[in-house]
């Protein structure tokens, strides 16, 4: 049977800290000829791009 909970009160293994460590948004996107280049943040590697 499905349990109904109030919005935002369901249990989840995903919290703000976990979400922040997996930021995958590109910081820079550029084109070189027919190639596309971008930088991607690596929070688990001290913020290396």
C-alpha atoms as a PDB file:
ATOM      1  CA  UNK A   1       0.000   0.000   0.000  1.00  0.00           C
ATOM      2  CA  UNK A   2       1.286   3.490  -0.873  1.00  0.00           C
ATOM      3  CA  UNK A   3       1.950   5.820   2.024  1.00  0.00           C
ATOM      4  CA  UNK A   4       0.970   9.491   1.656  1.00  0.00           C
ATOM      5  CA  UNK A   5       3.165  12.117   3.317  1.00  0.00           C
ATOM      6  CA  UNK A   6       3.066  15.894   3.406  1.00  0.00           C
ATOM      7  CA  UNK A   7       5.111  17.702   0.753  1.00  0.00           C
ATOM      8  CA  UNK A   8       8.798  17.726   1.706  1.00  0.00           C
ATOM      9  CA  UNK A   9       8.444  15.310   4.617  1.00  0.00           C
ATOM     10  CA  UNK A  10       9.351  12.054   2.874  1.00  0.00           C
ATOM     11  CA  UNK A  11      12.641  10.367   3.833  1.00  0.00           C
ATOM     12  CA  UNK A  12      15.449  10.709   1.285  1.00  0.00           C
ATOM     13  CA  UNK A  13      19.119   9.675   1.187  1.00  0.00           C
ATOM     14  CA  UNK A  14      19.845  12.878  -0.786  1.00  0.00           C
ATOM     15  CA  UNK A  15      20.619  15.949   1.316  1.00  0.00           C
ATOM     16  CA  UNK A  16      22.030  19.387   0.454  1.00  0.00           C
ATOM     17  CA  UNK A  17      25.625  18.312   1.104  1.00  0.00           C
ATOM     18  CA  UNK A  18      25.367  15.348  -1.269  1.00  0.00           C
ATOM     19  CA  UNK A  19      23.708  17.449  -3.964  1.00  0.00           C
ATOM     20  CA  UNK A  20      26.412  20.132  -3.687  1.00  0.00           C
ATOM     21  CA  UNK A  21      29.214  17.608  -4.135  1.00  0.00           C
ATOM     22  CA  UNK A  22      27.774  16.505  -7.471  1.00  0.00           C
ATOM     23  CA  UNK A  23      27.456  19.882  -9.218  1.00  0.00           C
ATOM     24  CA  UNK A  24      28.010  19.039 -12.857  1.00  0.00           C
ATOM     25  CA  UNK A  25      27.171  22.359 -14.471  1.00  0.00           C
ATOM     26  CA  UNK A  26      29.808  23.449 -16.987  1.00  0.00           C
ATOM     27  CA  UNK A  27      31.687  26.600 -16.029  1.00  0.00           C
ATOM     28  CA  UNK A  28      32.873  27.486 -19.525  1.00  0.00           C
ATOM     29  CA  UNK A  29      31.779  26.261 -22.938  1.00  0.00           C
ATOM     30  CA  UNK A  30      33.690  27.070 -26.106  1.00  0.00           C
ATOM     31  CA  UNK A  31      34.100  25.881 -29.664  1.00  0.00           C
ATOM     32  CA  UNK A  32      37.323  25.120 -31.515  1.00  0.00           C
ATOM     33  CA  UNK A  33      36.480  24.341 -35.108  1.00  0.00           C
ATOM     34  CA  UNK A  34      34.003  21.465 -35.045  1.00  0.00           C
ATOM     35  CA  UNK A  35      34.932  20.525 -31.447  1.00  0.00           C
ATOM     36  CA  UNK A  36      33.143  21.604 -28.288  1.00  0.00           C
ATOM     37  CA  UNK A  37      35.248  22.171 -25.160  1.00  0.00           C
ATOM     38  CA  UNK A  38      34.015  22.809 -21.614  1.00  0.00           C
ATOM     39  CA  UNK A  39      35.196  22.880 -18.025  1.00  0.00           C
ATOM     40  CA  UNK A  40      33.388  20.797 -15.442  1.00  0.00           C
ATOM     41  CA  UNK A  41      33.684  21.302 -11.683  1.00  0.00           C
ATOM     42  CA  UNK A  42      35.106  18.450  -9.626  1.00  0.00           C
ATOM     43  CA  UNK A  43      34.071  19.187  -6.027  1.00  0.00           C
ATOM     44  CA  UNK A  44      35.529  15.921  -4.753  1.00  0.00           C
ATOM     45  CA  UNK A  45      38.942  17.001  -6.127  1.00  0.00           C
ATOM     46  CA  UNK A  46      39.177  20.299  -4.205  1.00  0.00           C
ATOM     47  CA  UNK A  47      37.173  22.136  -6.869  1.00  0.00           C
ATOM     48  CA  UNK A  48      39.511  21.280  -9.742  1.00  0.00           C
ATOM     49  CA  UNK A  49      38.110  22.025 -13.214  1.00  0.00           C
END
